[in-house]
Amino acid sequence: MHTTKLTKVGNSTGVTISREVLIAANLDRGDEVALQVRDGTIEITKADDGYNRAMEIGRAFKLRYRRTMAALSK
C-alpha cells in the first residue's frame, strides 16, 4: 500500500501519485481518468475513450457533409 497527502491546487485538492503506482495502473501523466466513489473509497480508472472518439467522428462528419445533409433534409 502506498500513502500520499492531499494538497491544495488552486481552489481544488490534488493527490500526488508515485511513478510506481502509475506504471502498475497502466497510467501516465496527462491521461484522462474517471473518478468514482463507492462505499467511501475513491476509485481512479482510465477514462473510456470510446464515447469521446465517437463524438469527434460525429463532429467531423457533420462538418464534412453539412451541405449534403442540409439538401437531404429538405
PDB file of N, CA and C in Angstrom:
ATOM      1  N   MET A   1       0.844  -1.176   0.000  1.00  0.00           N
ATOM      2  CA  MET A   1       0.000   0.000   0.000  1.00  0.00           C
ATOM      3  C   MET A   1       0.885   1.232   0.000  1.00  0.00           C
ATOM      4  N   HIS A   2       0.519   2.209  -0.830  1.00  0.00           N
ATOM      5  CA  HIS A   2       1.237   3.477  -0.911  1.00  0.00           C
ATOM      6  C   HIS A   2       0.388   4.555  -0.254  1.00  0.00           C
ATOM      7  N   THR A   3       1.024   5.461   0.458  1.00  0.00           N
ATOM      8  CA  THR A   3       0.290   6.576   1.056  1.00  0.00           C
ATOM      9  C   THR A   3       0.839   7.884   0.500  1.00  0.00           C
ATOM     10  N   THR A   4      -0.017   8.899   0.451  1.00  0.00           N
ATOM     11  CA  THR A   4       0.355  10.222  -0.030  1.00  0.00           C
ATOM     12  C   THR A   4      -0.552  11.244   0.641  1.00  0.00           C
ATOM     13  N   LYS A   5      -0.231  12.510   0.514  1.00  0.00           N
ATOM     14  CA  LYS A   5      -1.044  13.564   1.108  1.00  0.00           C
ATOM     15  C   LYS A   5      -1.851  14.268   0.037  1.00  0.00           C
ATOM     16  N   LEU A   6      -3.008  14.767   0.440  1.00  0.00           N
ATOM     17  CA  LEU A   6      -3.810  15.622  -0.426  1.00  0.00           C
ATOM     18  C   LEU A   6      -3.228  17.026  -0.333  1.00  0.00           C
ATOM     19  N   THR A   7      -3.118  17.715  -1.479  1.00  0.00           N
ATOM     20  CA  THR A   7      -2.532  19.045  -1.499  1.00  0.00           C
ATOM     21  C   THR A   7      -3.480  20.028  -2.170  1.00  0.00           C
ATOM     22  N   LYS A   8      -3.322  21.298  -1.836  1.00  0.00           N
ATOM     23  CA  LYS A   8      -4.153  22.346  -2.429  1.00  0.00           C
ATOM     24  C   LYS A   8      -3.617  22.670  -3.819  1.00  0.00           C
ATOM     25  N   VAL A   9      -4.540  22.701  -4.806  1.00  0.00           N
ATOM     26  CA  VAL A   9      -4.208  23.074  -6.175  1.00  0.00           C
ATOM     27  C   VAL A   9      -5.242  24.117  -6.591  1.00  0.00           C
ATOM     28  N   GLY A  10      -4.905  25.379  -6.460  1.00  0.00           N
ATOM     29  CA  GLY A  10      -5.876  26.441  -6.720  1.00  0.00           C
ATOM     30  C   GLY A  10      -7.015  26.341  -5.730  1.00  0.00           C
ATOM     31  N   ASN A  11      -8.259  26.251  -6.240  1.00  0.00           N
ATOM     32  CA  ASN A  11      -9.427  26.082  -5.384  1.00  0.00           C
ATOM     33  C   ASN A  11      -9.810  24.618  -5.217  1.00  0.00           C
ATOM     34  N   SER A  12      -8.988  23.728  -5.755  1.00  0.00           N
ATOM     35  CA  SER A  12      -9.271  22.289  -5.700  1.00  0.00           C
ATOM     36  C   SER A  12      -8.257  21.580  -4.816  1.00  0.00           C
ATOM     37  N   THR A  13      -8.379  20.273  -4.747  1.00  0.00           N
ATOM     38  CA  THR A  13      -7.449  19.451  -3.992  1.00  0.00           C
ATOM     39  C   THR A  13      -6.872  18.398  -4.924  1.00  0.00           C
ATOM     40  N   GLY A  14      -5.576  18.200  -4.860  1.00  0.00           N
ATOM     41  CA  GLY A  14      -4.906  17.234  -5.723  1.00  0.00           C
ATOM     42  C   GLY A  14      -4.227  16.150  -4.911  1.00  0.00           C
ATOM     43  N   VAL A  15      -3.903  15.079  -5.609  1.00  0.00           N
ATOM     44  CA  VAL A  15      -3.191  13.969  -4.987  1.00  0.00           C
ATOM     45  C   VAL A  15      -1.992  13.637  -5.874  1.00  0.00           C
ATOM     46  N   THR A  16      -0.846  13.398  -5.255  1.00  0.00           N
ATOM     47  CA  THR A  16       0.352  13.024  -5.984  1.00  0.00           C
ATOM     48  C   THR A  16       0.436  11.507  -6.013  1.00  0.00           C
ATOM     49  N   ILE A  17       0.577  10.966  -7.216  1.00  0.00           N
ATOM     50  CA  ILE A  17       0.648   9.514  -7.382  1.00  0.00           C
ATOM     51  C   ILE A  17       2.056   9.162  -7.844  1.00  0.00           C
ATOM     52  N   SER A  18       2.702   8.252  -7.147  1.00  0.00           N
ATOM     53  CA  SER A  18       4.082   7.895  -7.471  1.00  0.00           C
ATOM     54  C   SER A  18       4.175   7.214  -8.834  1.00  0.00           C
ATOM     55  N   ARG A  19       5.331   7.282  -9.417  1.00  0.00           N
ATOM     56  CA  ARG A  19       5.573   6.680 -10.727  1.00  0.00           C
ATOM     57  C   ARG A  19       5.303   5.178 -10.697  1.00  0.00           C
ATOM     58  N   GLU A  20       5.696   4.530  -9.623  1.00  0.00           N
ATOM     59  CA  GLU A  20       5.489   3.076  -9.498  1.00  0.00           C
ATOM     60  C   GLU A  20       4.004   2.720  -9.561  1.00  0.00           C
ATOM     61  N   VAL A  21       3.189   3.517  -8.889  1.00  0.00           N
ATOM     62  CA  VAL A  21       1.745   3.259  -8.881  1.00  0.00           C
ATOM     63  C   VAL A  21       1.165   3.516 -10.267  1.00  0.00           C
ATOM     64  N   LEU A  22       1.607   4.590 -10.920  1.00  0.00           N
ATOM     65  CA  LEU A  22       1.127   4.875 -12.277  1.00  0.00           C
ATOM     66  C   LEU A  22       1.473   3.748 -13.238  1.00  0.00           C
ATOM     67  N   ILE A  23       2.682   3.250 -13.150  1.00  0.00           N
ATOM     68  CA  ILE A  23       3.100   2.144 -14.025  1.00  0.00           C
ATOM     69  C   ILE A  23       2.262   0.907 -13.746  1.00  0.00           C
ATOM     70  N   ALA A  24       2.051   0.592 -12.482  1.00  0.00           N
ATOM     71  CA  ALA A  24       1.267  -0.589 -12.114  1.00  0.00           C
ATOM     72  C   ALA A  24      -0.179  -0.465 -12.591  1.00  0.00           C
ATOM     73  N   ALA A  25      -0.697   0.771 -12.658  1.00  0.00           N
ATOM     74  CA  ALA A  25      -2.079   1.004 -13.083  1.00  0.00           C
ATOM     75  C   ALA A  25      -2.174   1.267 -14.588  1.00  0.00           C
ATOM     76  N   ASN A  26      -1.052   1.182 -15.291  1.00  0.00           N
ATOM     77  CA  ASN A  26      -1.005   1.443 -16.733  1.00  0.00           C
ATOM     78  C   ASN A  26      -1.514   2.851 -17.054  1.00  0.00           C
ATOM     79  N   LEU A  27      -1.097   3.814 -16.245  1.00  0.00           N
ATOM     80  CA  LEU A  27      -1.457   5.221 -16.444  1.00  0.00           C
ATOM     81  C   LEU A  27      -0.197   6.033 -16.655  1.00  0.00           C
ATOM     82  N   ASP A  28      -0.357   7.210 -17.259  1.00  0.00           N
ATOM     83  CA  ASP A  28       0.769   8.098 -17.461  1.00  0.00           C
ATOM     84  C   ASP A  28       0.300   9.534 -17.263  1.00  0.00           C
ATOM     85  N   ARG A  29       1.227  10.419 -17.019  1.00  0.00           N
ATOM     86  CA  ARG A  29       0.905  11.826 -16.830  1.00  0.00           C
ATOM     87  C   ARG A  29       0.167  12.338 -18.069  1.00  0.00           C
ATOM     88  N   GLY A  30      -0.932  13.056 -17.868  1.00  0.00           N
ATOM     89  CA  GLY A  30      -1.710  13.591 -18.972  1.00  0.00           C
ATOM     90  C   GLY A  30      -2.894  12.722 -19.382  1.00  0.00           C
ATOM     91  N   ASP A  31      -2.949  11.465 -18.901  1.00  0.00           N
ATOM     92  CA  ASP A  31      -4.088  10.601 -19.208  1.00  0.00           C
ATOM     93  C   ASP A  31      -5.350  11.158 -18.567  1.00  0.00           C
ATOM     94  N   GLU A  32      -6.488  10.972 -19.243  1.00  0.00           N
ATOM     95  CA  GLU A  32      -7.763  11.317 -18.639  1.00  0.00           C
ATOM     96  C   GLU A  32      -8.201  10.151 -17.770  1.00  0.00           C
ATOM     97  N   VAL A  33      -8.686  10.462 -16.583  1.00  0.00           N
ATOM     98  CA  VAL A  33      -9.143   9.421 -15.666  1.00  0.00           C
ATOM     99  C   VAL A  33     -10.571   9.702 -15.230  1.00  0.00           C
ATOM    100  N   ALA A  34     -11.243   8.652 -14.820  1.00  0.00           N
ATOM    101  CA  ALA A  34     -12.594   8.764 -14.279  1.00  0.00           C
ATOM    102  C   ALA A  34     -12.518   8.479 -12.784  1.00  0.00           C
ATOM    103  N   LEU A  35     -13.242   9.265 -12.007  1.00  0.00           N
ATOM    104  CA  LEU A  35     -13.292   9.074 -10.561  1.00  0.00           C
ATOM    105  C   LEU A  35     -14.669   8.570 -10.175  1.00  0.00           C
ATOM    106  N   GLN A  36     -14.689   7.585  -9.300  1.00  0.00           N
ATOM    107  CA  GLN A  36     -15.961   7.054  -8.819  1.00  0.00           C
ATOM    108  C   GLN A  36     -15.807   6.760  -7.322  1.00  0.00           C
ATOM    109  N   VAL A  37     -16.841   7.112  -6.565  1.00  0.00           N
ATOM    110  CA  VAL A  37     -16.820   6.862  -5.122  1.00  0.00           C
ATOM    111  C   VAL A  37     -17.756   5.700  -4.832  1.00  0.00           C
ATOM    112  N   ARG A  38     -17.232   4.670  -4.168  1.00  0.00           N
ATOM    113  CA  ARG A  38     -18.021   3.501  -3.776  1.00  0.00           C
ATOM    114  C   ARG A  38     -17.692   3.149  -2.331  1.00  0.00           C
ATOM    115  N   ASP A  39     -18.698   3.138  -1.518  1.00  0.00           N
ATOM    116  CA  ASP A  39     -18.539   2.762  -0.102  1.00  0.00           C
ATOM    117  C   ASP A  39     -17.394   3.501   0.574  1.00  0.00           C
ATOM    118  N   GLY A  40     -17.293   4.806   0.327  1.00  0.00           N
ATOM    119  CA  GLY A  40     -16.268   5.618   0.975  1.00  0.00           C
ATOM    120  C   GLY A  40     -14.888   5.470   0.378  1.00  0.00           C
ATOM    121  N   THR A  41     -14.753   4.777  -0.754  1.00  0.00           N
ATOM    122  CA  THR A  41     -13.469   4.587  -1.416  1.00  0.00           C
ATOM    123  C   THR A  41     -13.487   5.290  -2.768  1.00  0.00           C
ATOM    124  N   ILE A  42     -12.430   6.010  -3.082  1.00  0.00           N
ATOM    125  CA  ILE A  42     -12.322   6.679  -4.377  1.00  0.00           C
ATOM    126  C   ILE A  42     -11.595   5.743  -5.336  1.00  0.00           C
ATOM    127  N   GLU A  43     -12.237   5.433  -6.459  1.00  0.00           N
ATOM    128  CA  GLU A  43     -11.621   4.593  -7.494  1.00  0.00           C
ATOM    129  C   GLU A  43     -11.204   5.490  -8.652  1.00  0.00           C
ATOM    130  N   ILE A  44      -9.977   5.330  -9.101  1.00  0.00           N
ATOM    131  CA  ILE A  44      -9.463   6.086 -10.236  1.00  0.00           C
ATOM    132  C   ILE A  44      -9.201   5.080 -11.353  1.00  0.00           C
ATOM    133  N   THR A  45      -9.864   5.278 -12.492  1.00  0.00           N
ATOM    134  CA  THR A  45      -9.666   4.392 -13.638  1.00  0.00           C
ATOM    135  C   THR A  45      -9.419   5.220 -14.886  1.00  0.00           C
ATOM    136  N   LYS A  46      -8.784   4.617 -15.865  1.00  0.00           N
ATOM    137  CA  LYS A  46      -8.557   5.292 -17.136  1.00  0.00           C
ATOM    138  C   LYS A  46      -9.913   5.580 -17.774  1.00  0.00           C
ATOM    139  N   ALA A  47     -10.084   6.805 -18.275  1.00  0.00           N
ATOM    140  CA  ALA A  47     -11.357   7.201 -18.869  1.00  0.00           C
ATOM    141  C   ALA A  47     -11.622   6.398 -20.136  1.00  0.00           C
ATOM    142  N   ASP A  48     -12.895   6.119 -20.381  1.00  0.00           N
ATOM    143  CA  ASP A  48     -13.311   5.390 -21.577  1.00  0.00           C
ATOM    144  C   ASP A  48     -13.261   6.341 -22.764  1.00  0.00           C
ATOM    145  N   ASP A  49     -12.359   6.070 -23.704  1.00  0.00           N
ATOM    146  CA  ASP A  49     -12.205   6.943 -24.862  1.00  0.00           C
ATOM    147  C   ASP A  49     -13.241   6.667 -25.941  1.00  0.00           C
ATOM    148  N   GLY A  50     -14.006   5.606 -25.845  1.00  0.00           N
ATOM    149  CA  GLY A  50     -14.970   5.248 -26.872  1.00  0.00           C
ATOM    150  C   GLY A  50     -15.985   6.336 -27.141  1.00  0.00           C
ATOM    151  N   TYR A  51     -16.576   6.868 -26.098  1.00  0.00           N
ATOM    152  CA  TYR A  51     -17.589   7.916 -26.254  1.00  0.00           C
ATOM    153  C   TYR A  51     -16.970   9.170 -26.869  1.00  0.00           C
ATOM    154  N   ASN A  52     -15.833   9.619 -26.327  1.00  0.00           N
ATOM    155  CA  ASN A  52     -15.198  10.835 -26.831  1.00  0.00           C
ATOM    156  C   ASN A  52     -14.787  10.676 -28.284  1.00  0.00           C
ATOM    157  N   ARG A  53     -14.278   9.516 -28.635  1.00  0.00           N
ATOM    158  CA  ARG A  53     -13.874   9.267 -30.024  1.00  0.00           C
ATOM    159  C   ARG A  53     -15.091   9.294 -30.957  1.00  0.00           C
ATOM    160  N   ALA A  54     -16.184   8.682 -30.542  1.00  0.00           N
ATOM    161  CA  ALA A  54     -17.402   8.674 -31.353  1.00  0.00           C
ATOM    162  C   ALA A  54     -17.915  10.098 -31.563  1.00  0.00           C
ATOM    163  N   MET A  55     -17.856  10.935 -30.536  1.00  0.00           N
ATOM    164  CA  MET A  55     -18.306  12.318 -30.667  1.00  0.00           C
ATOM    165  C   MET A  55     -17.414  13.100 -31.636  1.00  0.00           C
ATOM    166  N   GLU A  56     -16.111  12.875 -31.588  1.00  0.00           N
ATOM    167  CA  GLU A  56     -15.195  13.543 -32.511  1.00  0.00           C
ATOM    168  C   GLU A  56     -15.487  13.138 -33.953  1.00  0.00           C
ATOM    169  N   ILE A  57     -15.743  11.855 -34.183  1.00  0.00           N
ATOM    170  CA  ILE A  57     -16.058  11.362 -35.520  1.00  0.00           C
ATOM    171  C   ILE A  57     -17.361  11.991 -36.006  1.00  0.00           C
ATOM    172  N   GLY A  58     -18.366  12.064 -35.135  1.00  0.00           N
ATOM    173  CA  GLY A  58     -19.640  12.674 -35.493  1.00  0.00           C
ATOM    174  C   GLY A  58     -19.490  14.140 -35.851  1.00  0.00           C
ATOM    175  N   ARG A  59     -18.696  14.876 -35.102  1.00  0.00           N
ATOM    176  CA  ARG A  59     -18.481  16.299 -35.398  1.00  0.00           C
ATOM    177  C   ARG A  59     -17.758  16.481 -36.735  1.00  0.00           C
ATOM    178  N   ALA A  60     -16.764  15.644 -36.997  1.00  0.00           N
ATOM    179  CA  ALA A  60     -16.039  15.721 -38.271  1.00  0.00           C
ATOM    180  C   ALA A  60     -16.980  15.408 -39.438  1.00  0.00           C
ATOM    181  N   PHE A  61     -17.845  14.408 -39.265  1.00  0.00           N
ATOM    182  CA  PHE A  61     -18.818  14.044 -40.291  1.00  0.00           C
ATOM    183  C   PHE A  61     -19.754  15.214 -40.575  1.00  0.00           C
ATOM    184  N   LYS A  62     -20.234  15.839 -39.498  1.00  0.00           N
ATOM    185  CA  LYS A  62     -21.165  16.963 -39.632  1.00  0.00           C
ATOM    186  C   LYS A  62     -20.531  18.111 -40.407  1.00  0.00           C
ATOM    187  N   LEU A  63     -19.271  18.414 -40.131  1.00  0.00           N
ATOM    188  CA  LEU A  63     -18.588  19.489 -40.840  1.00  0.00           C
ATOM    189  C   LEU A  63     -18.353  19.137 -42.307  1.00  0.00           C
ATOM    190  N   ARG A  64     -17.941  17.914 -42.547  1.00  0.00           N
ATOM    191  CA  ARG A  64     -17.608  17.498 -43.909  1.00  0.00           C
ATOM    192  C   ARG A  64     -18.844  17.415 -44.810  1.00  0.00           C
ATOM    193  N   TYR A  65     -19.949  16.939 -44.280  1.00  0.00           N
ATOM    194  CA  TYR A  65     -21.136  16.697 -45.096  1.00  0.00           C
ATOM    195  C   TYR A  65     -22.301  17.630 -44.767  1.00  0.00           C
ATOM    196  N   ARG A  66     -22.018  18.817 -44.251  1.00  0.00           N
ATOM    197  CA  ARG A  66     -23.104  19.715 -43.837  1.00  0.00           C
ATOM    198  C   ARG A  66     -24.009  20.113 -44.992  1.00  0.00           C
ATOM    199  N   ARG A  67     -23.451  20.392 -46.183  1.00  0.00           N
ATOM    200  CA  ARG A  67     -24.288  20.774 -47.326  1.00  0.00           C
ATOM    201  C   ARG A  67     -25.130  19.598 -47.801  1.00  0.00           C
ATOM    202  N   THR A  68     -24.548  18.426 -47.827  1.00  0.00           N
ATOM    203  CA  THR A  68     -25.280  17.233 -48.247  1.00  0.00           C
ATOM    204  C   THR A  68     -26.428  16.951 -47.290  1.00  0.00           C
ATOM    205  N   MET A  69     -26.147  17.030 -46.000  1.00  0.00           N
ATOM    206  CA  MET A  69     -27.187  16.769 -45.002  1.00  0.00           C
ATOM    207  C   MET A  69     -28.308  17.823 -45.075  1.00  0.00           C
ATOM    208  N   ALA A  70     -27.941  19.065 -45.350  1.00  0.00           N
ATOM    209  CA  ALA A  70     -28.940  20.128 -45.480  1.00  0.00           C
ATOM    210  C   ALA A  70     -29.828  19.869 -46.692  1.00  0.00           C
ATOM    211  N   ALA A  71     -29.230  19.442 -47.799  1.00  0.00           N
ATOM    212  CA  ALA A  71     -30.007  19.157 -49.008  1.00  0.00           C
ATOM    213  C   ALA A  71     -30.931  17.954 -48.787  1.00  0.00           C
ATOM    214  N   LEU A  72     -30.431  16.935 -48.088  1.00  0.00           N
ATOM    215  CA  LEU A  72     -31.250  15.748 -47.835  1.00  0.00           C
ATOM    216  C   LEU A  72     -32.400  16.017 -46.871  1.00  0.00           C
ATOM    217  N   SER A  73     -32.245  17.012 -46.015  1.00  0.00           N
ATOM    218  CA  SER A  73     -33.289  17.292 -45.023  1.00  0.00           C
ATOM    219  C   SER A  73     -34.466  18.086 -45.599  1.00  0.00           C
ATOM    220  N   LYS A  74     -34.326  18.552 -46.834  1.00  0.00           N
ATOM    221  CA  LYS A  74     -35.410  19.345 -47.465  1.00  0.00           C
ATOM    222  C   LYS A  74     -36.508  18.457 -47.987  1.00  0.00           C
TER     223      LYS A  74
END
